[in-house]
Amino acid sequence: MNKLRALSVAGALVLSVLGTWAALRYGSPFRYVRALLVAAFVLALPSVLAYGKLWARRGRRYVASRRRDGGHGTTFVSEERDPESESALSAVATALAREDEYRDVRTEDFSDGEGLLVTHSGFHSSFVRRTEDGRLVVTGDSETTRSLARRIGDLRGVSMAERPNNPFFSPIPVRGAPRAFLSVLLIVALAVGVGSVAGAAYPVDSYNTLEKAVLVSYDARADFVPGVSRTDARLDKAAFMTDSLGEEAVEIRWEANESRFLVEDAEQALAISADVRTRLRGTDSNSLSPAQAARVDRIETDLHEAERSVAEAITVRLENDTTGEYAPRLRSLRARLRRAAERPIRASDSASERRRDDRPSPWESKPAVLSYVIARQTTAIGWD
């Protein structure tokens, strides 16, 4: 197996395994059909090109044979199998060597087996070979090729028929500059397949394809790398998302004046902020190791800093009057980012839990309600 074919098979295998794992990991298997189609494309591409070259070659020979006189540059194949195919070539060589029409008859080694080289008058030659199923094949670029085929047919008792295609032609491997181009094409297809899996795993607009691929890699590490837990992967993703959130501030500063992408960047920043909070809230504080708990605190600190950075970038654009009609929307988004930056993640969760815990139980308030009902009934019937 050559390197190009190895790359094709390995790439298709990686995409198939990745797509299958992602379908089991994230659900919705139909979203990963595109990745499997890319895998099939990567696997079949080298063979398709090789067979394409073969059929193009056969097509050229067929057209050429139709334009030329019979017997010139054509192929003759026996209609029947030679009854003694193993000794057919040696018998033909012995018979032709006795005839004066042929200058020389000798055995030659071809890539697919032994054959005969028959030299006519001058420098013209013909080739006699035997297929695996026992059929005789005569090829050549001489006017006497037809008479040679007829003579061999008489010697072996078979019918030699003209064929447009040589049965010994095999798929032609891709070499040279096309091979380098094909290698690049396979790598690009692999990247597209991986991006398709990442996009299906995280079908949101807050991250680009490369960022989604990184998020998928964290999930894969948690599933396949020993010692990496789901909590570690959750914190890795939260830290990576926080870095992505900080990049939104840079993008807001670089966007063109009065661009709608200013609003998109700010909205993506809020979405990423919500994603980070979801990851951090999903960690069980009671099961965190000291190192993981410290990392949660660091990520939360970085998150608030990134939120303030994005809000500050919006402020700069508003003060420079470069937001145009999007100014009111950006002010609203900035206010939400500022509130998020001042809102602790776990403290707010604990307070909300305390508020829920402080609510009186219906069973705790039932005695007071019963006392009130009894008092009203007593007054109504005049017992007091």
Protein backbone atom coordinates (compact mmCIF):
# COMPACT_ATOMS: atom_id res chain seq x y z
CA MET A 1 0.00 0.00 0.00
CA ASN A 2 1.49 3.36 -1.03
CA LYS A 3 1.56 6.39 1.22
CA LEU A 4 -1.32 8.10 -0.57
CA ARG A 5 -3.54 5.07 -0.19
CA ALA A 6 -2.50 4.72 3.45
CA LEU A 7 -3.46 8.36 4.05
CA SER A 8 -6.82 7.76 2.40
CA VAL A 9 -7.63 4.64 4.43
CA ALA A 10 -6.40 6.14 7.71
CA GLY A 11 -8.32 9.36 7.14
CA ALA A 12 -11.55 7.54 6.31
CA LEU A 13 -11.14 5.35 9.39
CA VAL A 14 -10.54 8.35 11.65
CA LEU A 15 -13.60 10.19 10.31
CA SER A 16 -15.79 7.10 10.63
CA VAL A 17 -14.72 6.47 14.22
CA LEU A 18 -15.04 10.17 15.10
CA GLY A 19 -18.50 10.44 13.57
CA THR A 20 -19.72 7.28 15.29
CA TRP A 21 -18.35 8.39 18.66
CA ALA A 22 -19.87 11.86 18.28
CA ALA A 23 -23.27 10.38 17.41
CA LEU A 24 -23.17 8.32 20.60
CA ARG A 25 -21.69 11.14 22.69
CA TYR A 26 -23.91 14.03 21.63
CA GLY A 27 -26.97 12.30 20.16
CA SER A 28 -28.85 13.13 16.94
CA PRO A 29 -26.99 10.65 14.69
CA PHE A 30 -28.36 12.11 11.46
CA ARG A 31 -26.32 15.28 12.04
CA TYR A 32 -23.15 13.27 11.39
CA VAL A 33 -24.14 11.80 8.03
CA ARG A 34 -22.09 14.47 6.28
CA ALA A 35 -18.93 13.35 8.07
CA LEU A 36 -19.54 9.75 7.00
CA LEU A 37 -20.05 10.91 3.41
CA VAL A 38 -16.74 12.76 3.56
CA ALA A 39 -15.12 9.59 4.92
CA ALA A 40 -16.46 7.63 1.94
CA PHE A 41 -15.17 10.33 -0.40
CA VAL A 42 -11.69 10.24 1.17
CA LEU A 43 -11.58 6.45 0.93
CA ALA A 44 -12.73 6.27 -2.69
CA LEU A 45 -10.92 9.26 -4.19
CA PRO A 46 -7.53 7.62 -5.02
CA SER A 47 -9.24 4.59 -6.57
CA VAL A 48 -11.67 6.75 -8.53
CA LEU A 49 -8.83 8.78 -10.01
CA ALA A 50 -6.78 5.66 -10.80
CA TYR A 51 -9.70 3.94 -12.53
CA GLY A 52 -10.60 7.21 -14.21
CA LYS A 53 -7.19 7.32 -15.84
CA LEU A 54 -7.59 3.68 -16.86
CA TRP A 55 -10.95 4.25 -18.52
CA ALA A 56 -9.67 7.41 -20.19
CA ARG A 57 -6.80 5.38 -21.63
CA ARG A 58 -9.16 2.68 -22.82
CA GLY A 59 -11.42 5.30 -24.35
CA ARG A 60 -8.55 6.85 -26.28
CA ARG A 61 -7.52 3.43 -27.58
CA TYR A 62 -11.07 2.64 -28.61
CA VAL A 63 -11.43 5.91 -30.55
CA ALA A 64 -8.02 5.41 -32.14
CA SER A 65 -8.86 1.85 -33.17
CA ARG A 66 -12.06 3.05 -34.81
CA ARG A 67 -10.17 5.65 -36.85
CA ARG A 68 -7.31 3.41 -38.00
CA ASP A 69 -7.27 0.41 -40.31
CA GLY A 70 -7.79 -2.94 -38.63
CA GLY A 71 -4.71 -4.66 -37.28
CA HIS A 72 -2.82 -1.46 -36.49
CA GLY A 73 -2.31 -0.79 -32.79
CA THR A 74 -5.15 -3.01 -31.68
CA THR A 75 -5.68 -5.90 -29.25
CA PHE A 76 -6.84 -9.43 -30.05
CA VAL A 77 -8.21 -11.75 -27.37
CA SER A 78 -9.20 -15.38 -27.77
CA GLU A 79 -12.91 -16.03 -27.47
CA GLU A 80 -12.28 -19.34 -25.75
CA ARG A 81 -9.84 -20.45 -23.12
CA ASP A 82 -6.85 -22.34 -24.42
CA PRO A 83 -7.35 -26.03 -23.64
CA GLU A 84 -3.72 -26.30 -22.53
CA SER A 85 -3.10 -22.78 -21.30
CA GLU A 86 -0.08 -23.64 -19.15
CA SER A 87 1.96 -24.78 -22.17
CA ALA A 88 0.32 -22.47 -24.72
CA LEU A 89 3.07 -19.83 -24.84
CA SER A 90 5.91 -22.35 -25.22
CA ALA A 91 4.02 -24.17 -27.96
CA VAL A 92 3.37 -20.90 -29.82
CA ALA A 93 7.02 -19.87 -29.47
CA THR A 94 8.23 -23.20 -30.87
CA ALA A 95 5.84 -23.03 -33.83
CA LEU A 96 6.58 -19.41 -34.74
CA ALA A 97 10.34 -19.92 -34.49
CA ARG A 98 10.14 -22.34 -37.43
CA GLU A 99 8.42 -19.82 -39.69
CA ASP A 100 10.43 -17.39 -41.82
CA GLU A 101 7.84 -14.59 -41.47
CA TYR A 102 9.10 -13.78 -37.99
CA ARG A 103 12.67 -12.69 -37.34
CA ASP A 104 12.78 -13.54 -33.66
CA VAL A 105 10.60 -15.08 -30.97
CA ARG A 106 11.74 -14.87 -27.36
CA THR A 107 10.32 -15.02 -23.86
CA GLU A 108 9.93 -11.78 -21.89
CA ASP A 109 8.98 -11.09 -18.28
CA PHE A 110 6.13 -8.62 -17.84
CA SER A 111 4.82 -7.08 -14.66
CA ASP A 112 1.94 -9.54 -14.57
CA GLY A 113 3.70 -12.66 -15.83
CA GLU A 114 5.62 -14.23 -18.68
CA GLY A 115 4.92 -13.50 -22.35
CA LEU A 116 6.38 -13.61 -25.86
CA LEU A 117 8.02 -10.85 -27.87
CA VAL A 118 7.58 -11.58 -31.59
CA THR A 119 9.72 -9.45 -33.92
CA HIS A 120 8.54 -9.00 -37.50
CA SER A 121 10.54 -7.61 -40.38
CA GLY A 122 12.14 -4.29 -39.57
CA PHE A 123 11.64 -2.97 -36.06
CA HIS A 124 7.97 -3.88 -35.56
CA SER A 125 7.08 -6.26 -32.76
CA SER A 126 4.00 -7.88 -31.28
CA PHE A 127 3.35 -9.30 -27.83
CA VAL A 128 1.67 -12.57 -26.92
CA ARG A 129 0.49 -13.08 -23.37
CA ARG A 130 -1.90 -15.26 -21.40
CA THR A 131 -4.56 -14.05 -18.96
CA GLU A 132 -5.19 -15.70 -15.61
CA ASP A 133 -8.28 -17.45 -16.95
CA GLY A 134 -6.33 -19.01 -19.85
CA ARG A 135 -7.13 -16.68 -22.75
CA LEU A 136 -4.45 -15.64 -25.25
CA VAL A 137 -3.88 -11.95 -25.92
CA VAL A 138 -2.00 -10.52 -28.91
CA THR A 139 -1.11 -6.83 -28.98
CA GLY A 140 1.08 -4.74 -31.22
CA ASP A 141 1.49 -1.63 -33.30
CA SER A 142 2.20 -3.32 -36.60
CA GLU A 143 0.21 -4.12 -39.72
CA THR A 144 1.12 -7.78 -39.26
CA THR A 145 -0.44 -8.00 -35.80
CA ARG A 146 -3.72 -9.20 -37.32
CA SER A 147 -2.03 -11.97 -39.30
CA LEU A 148 -0.09 -13.02 -36.19
CA ALA A 149 -3.30 -13.21 -34.15
CA ARG A 150 -4.93 -15.28 -36.88
CA ARG A 151 -1.93 -17.60 -37.03
CA ILE A 152 -1.91 -18.12 -33.24
CA GLY A 153 -5.63 -18.83 -33.35
CA ASP A 154 -5.01 -21.55 -35.96
CA LEU A 155 -2.15 -23.02 -33.93
CA ARG A 156 -4.15 -23.23 -30.69
CA GLY A 157 -7.60 -23.89 -32.12
CA VAL A 158 -9.21 -20.73 -30.70
CA SER A 159 -10.97 -17.73 -32.26
CA MET A 160 -9.07 -14.45 -31.91
CA ALA A 161 -11.40 -11.43 -31.78
CA GLU A 162 -10.40 -7.79 -31.94
CA ARG A 163 -11.03 -5.89 -28.72
CA PRO A 164 -10.81 -2.14 -28.06
CA ASN A 165 -9.38 -2.65 -24.55
CA ASN A 166 -6.30 -4.48 -23.39
CA PRO A 167 -7.20 -6.84 -20.52
CA PHE A 168 -3.76 -6.30 -19.01
CA PHE A 169 -4.34 -2.62 -18.49
CA SER A 170 -4.71 -1.98 -14.75
CA PRO A 171 -5.61 1.13 -12.76
CA ILE A 172 -2.85 3.70 -13.10
CA PRO A 173 -1.58 5.06 -9.76
CA VAL A 174 -1.48 8.83 -9.38
CA ARG A 175 2.11 10.08 -9.50
CA GLY A 176 4.05 13.31 -9.78
CA ALA A 177 2.41 16.70 -9.33
CA PRO A 178 -1.15 15.24 -9.39
CA ARG A 179 -0.13 13.01 -6.49
CA ALA A 180 0.93 16.03 -4.41
CA PHE A 181 -2.29 17.83 -5.32
CA LEU A 182 -4.32 14.77 -4.35
CA SER A 183 -2.53 14.58 -0.99
CA VAL A 184 -3.45 18.20 -0.28
CA LEU A 185 -7.03 17.51 -1.39
CA LEU A 186 -7.28 14.54 1.00
CA ILE A 187 -5.98 16.64 3.90
CA VAL A 188 -8.49 19.38 3.10
CA ALA A 189 -11.29 16.80 2.94
CA LEU A 190 -10.23 15.41 6.31
CA ALA A 191 -10.31 18.91 7.79
CA VAL A 192 -13.79 19.44 6.33
CA GLY A 193 -14.94 16.15 7.84
CA VAL A 194 -13.59 16.99 11.28
CA GLY A 195 -15.17 20.43 11.04
CA SER A 196 -18.47 18.83 10.10
CA VAL A 197 -18.36 16.65 13.22
CA ALA A 198 -17.45 19.62 15.40
CA GLY A 199 -20.24 21.73 13.92
CA ALA A 200 -22.79 18.99 14.50
CA ALA A 201 -21.59 18.45 18.08
CA TYR A 202 -21.85 22.17 18.92
CA PRO A 203 -24.53 23.62 16.60
CA VAL A 204 -24.23 27.20 17.83
CA ASP A 205 -22.96 30.39 16.21
CA SER A 206 -20.95 31.60 19.20
CA TYR A 207 -17.84 29.67 18.13
CA ASN A 208 -16.06 29.16 14.85
CA THR A 209 -15.29 25.73 13.44
CA LEU A 210 -11.80 25.57 14.93
CA GLU A 211 -13.08 26.48 18.38
CA LYS A 212 -15.79 23.83 18.12
CA ALA A 213 -13.14 21.27 17.19
CA VAL A 214 -11.18 22.20 20.32
CA LEU A 215 -14.30 21.74 22.45
CA VAL A 216 -14.87 18.31 20.90
CA SER A 217 -11.26 17.40 21.65
CA TYR A 218 -11.84 18.10 25.35
CA ASP A 219 -14.82 15.75 25.35
CA ALA A 220 -12.79 13.10 23.54
CA ARG A 221 -9.99 13.38 26.08
CA ALA A 222 -12.46 12.79 28.88
CA ASP A 223 -13.77 9.65 27.16
CA PHE A 224 -10.52 8.12 25.95
CA VAL A 225 -7.59 9.45 28.00
CA PRO A 226 -7.15 7.69 31.36
CA GLY A 227 -7.01 10.05 34.31
CA VAL A 228 -9.04 12.81 32.61
CA SER A 229 -12.49 13.09 34.17
CA ARG A 230 -15.65 14.72 32.88
CA THR A 231 -15.13 17.46 35.46
CA ASP A 232 -11.65 18.15 34.07
CA ALA A 233 -13.10 18.38 30.58
CA ARG A 234 -15.86 20.71 31.80
CA LEU A 235 -13.31 23.04 33.38
CA ASP A 236 -11.06 22.87 30.30
CA LYS A 237 -13.97 23.94 28.15
CA ALA A 238 -14.95 26.70 30.57
CA ALA A 239 -11.39 28.08 30.53
CA PHE A 240 -11.23 27.90 26.74
CA MET A 241 -14.60 29.61 26.39
CA THR A 242 -13.44 32.36 28.71
CA ASP A 243 -10.45 32.98 26.45
CA SER A 244 -12.82 33.10 23.47
CA LEU A 245 -14.95 35.62 25.33
CA GLY A 246 -11.93 37.88 25.80
CA GLU A 247 -11.28 37.74 22.05
CA GLU A 248 -14.72 39.22 21.39
CA ALA A 249 -13.47 42.51 22.89
CA VAL A 250 -10.67 42.58 20.30
CA GLU A 251 -13.09 41.86 17.48
CA ILE A 252 -15.42 44.65 18.61
CA ARG A 253 -12.51 47.09 18.52
CA TRP A 254 -11.56 45.96 15.01
CA GLU A 255 -14.99 45.88 13.40
CA ALA A 256 -15.80 48.45 10.74
CA ASN A 257 -17.76 51.54 11.68
CA GLU A 258 -21.53 51.16 11.90
CA SER A 259 -21.22 47.43 11.22
CA ARG A 260 -23.92 44.98 12.22
CA PHE A 261 -21.14 42.65 13.33
CA LEU A 262 -20.70 44.86 16.39
CA VAL A 263 -24.04 43.62 17.65
CA GLU A 264 -23.25 40.03 16.66
CA ASP A 265 -19.97 40.14 18.56
CA ALA A 266 -21.66 41.50 21.66
CA GLU A 267 -24.43 38.90 21.48
CA GLN A 268 -21.88 36.14 21.04
CA ALA A 269 -20.05 37.44 24.10
CA LEU A 270 -23.22 37.12 26.17
CA ALA A 271 -23.83 33.61 24.80
CA ILE A 272 -20.29 32.53 25.64
CA SER A 273 -20.64 34.03 29.11
CA ALA A 274 -23.78 31.98 29.66
CA ASP A 275 -21.99 28.84 28.42
CA VAL A 276 -19.14 29.34 30.89
CA ARG A 277 -21.57 29.86 33.76
CA THR A 278 -23.44 26.71 32.76
CA ARG A 279 -20.20 24.70 32.83
CA LEU A 280 -19.17 26.06 36.20
CA ARG A 281 -22.60 25.59 37.74
CA GLY A 282 -22.61 22.02 36.46
CA THR A 283 -19.66 21.10 38.66
CA ASP A 284 -20.51 19.62 42.03
CA SER A 285 -18.60 21.71 44.58
CA ASN A 286 -18.69 18.86 47.08
CA SER A 287 -16.90 16.49 44.72
CA LEU A 288 -14.19 18.92 43.51
CA SER A 289 -10.60 18.36 44.47
CA PRO A 290 -8.74 21.33 45.97
CA ALA A 291 -6.97 21.93 42.67
CA GLN A 292 -10.25 21.83 40.75
CA ALA A 293 -11.94 24.17 43.23
CA ALA A 294 -9.07 26.63 42.89
CA ARG A 295 -9.34 26.42 39.14
CA VAL A 296 -13.05 27.17 39.30
CA ASP A 297 -12.26 30.35 41.21
CA ARG A 298 -9.62 31.37 38.66
CA ILE A 299 -11.98 30.77 35.75
CA GLU A 300 -14.71 32.81 37.42
CA THR A 301 -12.26 35.68 37.99
CA ASP A 302 -11.15 35.52 34.36
CA LEU A 303 -14.76 35.39 33.24
CA HIS A 304 -15.68 38.60 35.04
CA GLU A 305 -12.58 40.29 33.65
CA ALA A 306 -13.47 39.19 30.11
CA GLU A 307 -17.05 40.42 30.52
CA ARG A 308 -15.82 43.81 31.69
CA SER A 309 -13.34 43.90 28.80
CA VAL A 310 -16.10 43.38 26.25
CA ALA A 311 -18.28 46.00 27.93
CA GLU A 312 -15.37 48.45 27.87
CA ALA A 313 -14.80 47.77 24.15
CA ILE A 314 -18.45 48.60 23.47
CA THR A 315 -18.09 51.80 25.53
CA VAL A 316 -15.14 52.89 23.39
CA ARG A 317 -17.11 52.36 20.21
CA LEU A 318 -20.09 54.24 21.62
CA GLU A 319 -17.95 57.17 22.79
CA ASN A 320 -16.27 57.37 19.39
CA ASP A 321 -19.71 57.45 17.77
CA THR A 322 -18.86 54.60 15.38
CA THR A 323 -21.85 52.37 16.05
CA GLY A 324 -24.48 54.16 13.96
CA GLU A 325 -28.00 52.82 14.22
CA TYR A 326 -26.84 49.95 16.44
CA ALA A 327 -26.04 52.22 19.41
CA PRO A 328 -29.27 51.54 21.41
CA ARG A 329 -28.88 47.79 21.01
CA LEU A 330 -25.22 47.94 22.01
CA ARG A 331 -26.04 49.97 25.13
CA SER A 332 -28.51 47.29 26.19
CA LEU A 333 -25.97 44.52 25.58
CA ARG A 334 -23.30 46.46 27.45
CA ALA A 335 -25.59 46.82 30.45
CA ARG A 336 -26.21 43.07 30.49
CA LEU A 337 -22.49 42.36 30.33
CA ARG A 338 -21.80 44.75 33.21
CA ARG A 339 -24.48 43.11 35.34
CA ALA A 340 -23.02 39.69 34.55
CA ALA A 341 -19.55 40.87 35.50
CA GLU A 342 -20.82 41.91 38.93
CA ARG A 343 -22.83 38.76 39.54
CA PRO A 344 -20.88 35.93 41.24
CA ILE A 345 -21.68 32.53 39.81
CA ARG A 346 -21.75 30.27 42.84
CA ALA A 347 -22.79 32.96 45.33
CA SER A 348 -25.88 33.77 43.32
CA ASP A 349 -26.69 30.10 43.10
CA SER A 350 -26.26 29.63 46.86
CA ALA A 351 -28.42 32.69 47.62
CA SER A 352 -31.15 31.44 45.36
CA GLU A 353 -30.98 28.06 47.07
CA ARG A 354 -31.21 29.77 50.45
CA ARG A 355 -34.22 31.78 49.31
CA ARG A 356 -35.92 28.61 48.24
CA ASP A 357 -35.00 26.94 51.53
CA ASP A 358 -36.32 29.89 53.60
CA ARG A 359 -39.80 29.62 52.15
CA PRO A 360 -42.19 28.12 54.74
CA SER A 361 -43.51 24.67 54.02
CA PRO A 362 -47.25 24.41 53.43
CA TRP A 363 -47.39 21.95 56.31
CA GLU A 364 -45.65 24.43 58.62
CA SER A 365 -48.28 27.12 57.95
CA LYS A 366 -51.22 24.76 58.22
CA PRO A 367 -51.88 25.27 62.00
CA ALA A 368 -52.31 29.01 61.55
CA VAL A 369 -54.69 28.48 58.67
CA LEU A 370 -56.73 25.96 60.64
CA SER A 371 -56.95 28.31 63.65
CA TYR A 372 -58.26 31.09 61.42
CA VAL A 373 -60.89 28.83 59.80
CA ILE A 374 -62.08 27.52 63.20
CA ALA A 375 -62.38 31.06 64.57
CA ARG A 376 -64.51 32.19 61.63
CA GLN A 377 -66.79 29.17 61.88
CA THR A 378 -67.21 29.71 65.64
CA THR A 379 -68.24 33.34 65.11
CA ALA A 380 -70.68 32.36 62.37
CA ILE A 381 -72.67 29.93 64.53
CA GLY A 382 -72.60 32.12 67.65
CA TRP A 383 -70.63 29.79 69.90
CA ASP A 384 -68.56 32.63 71.24
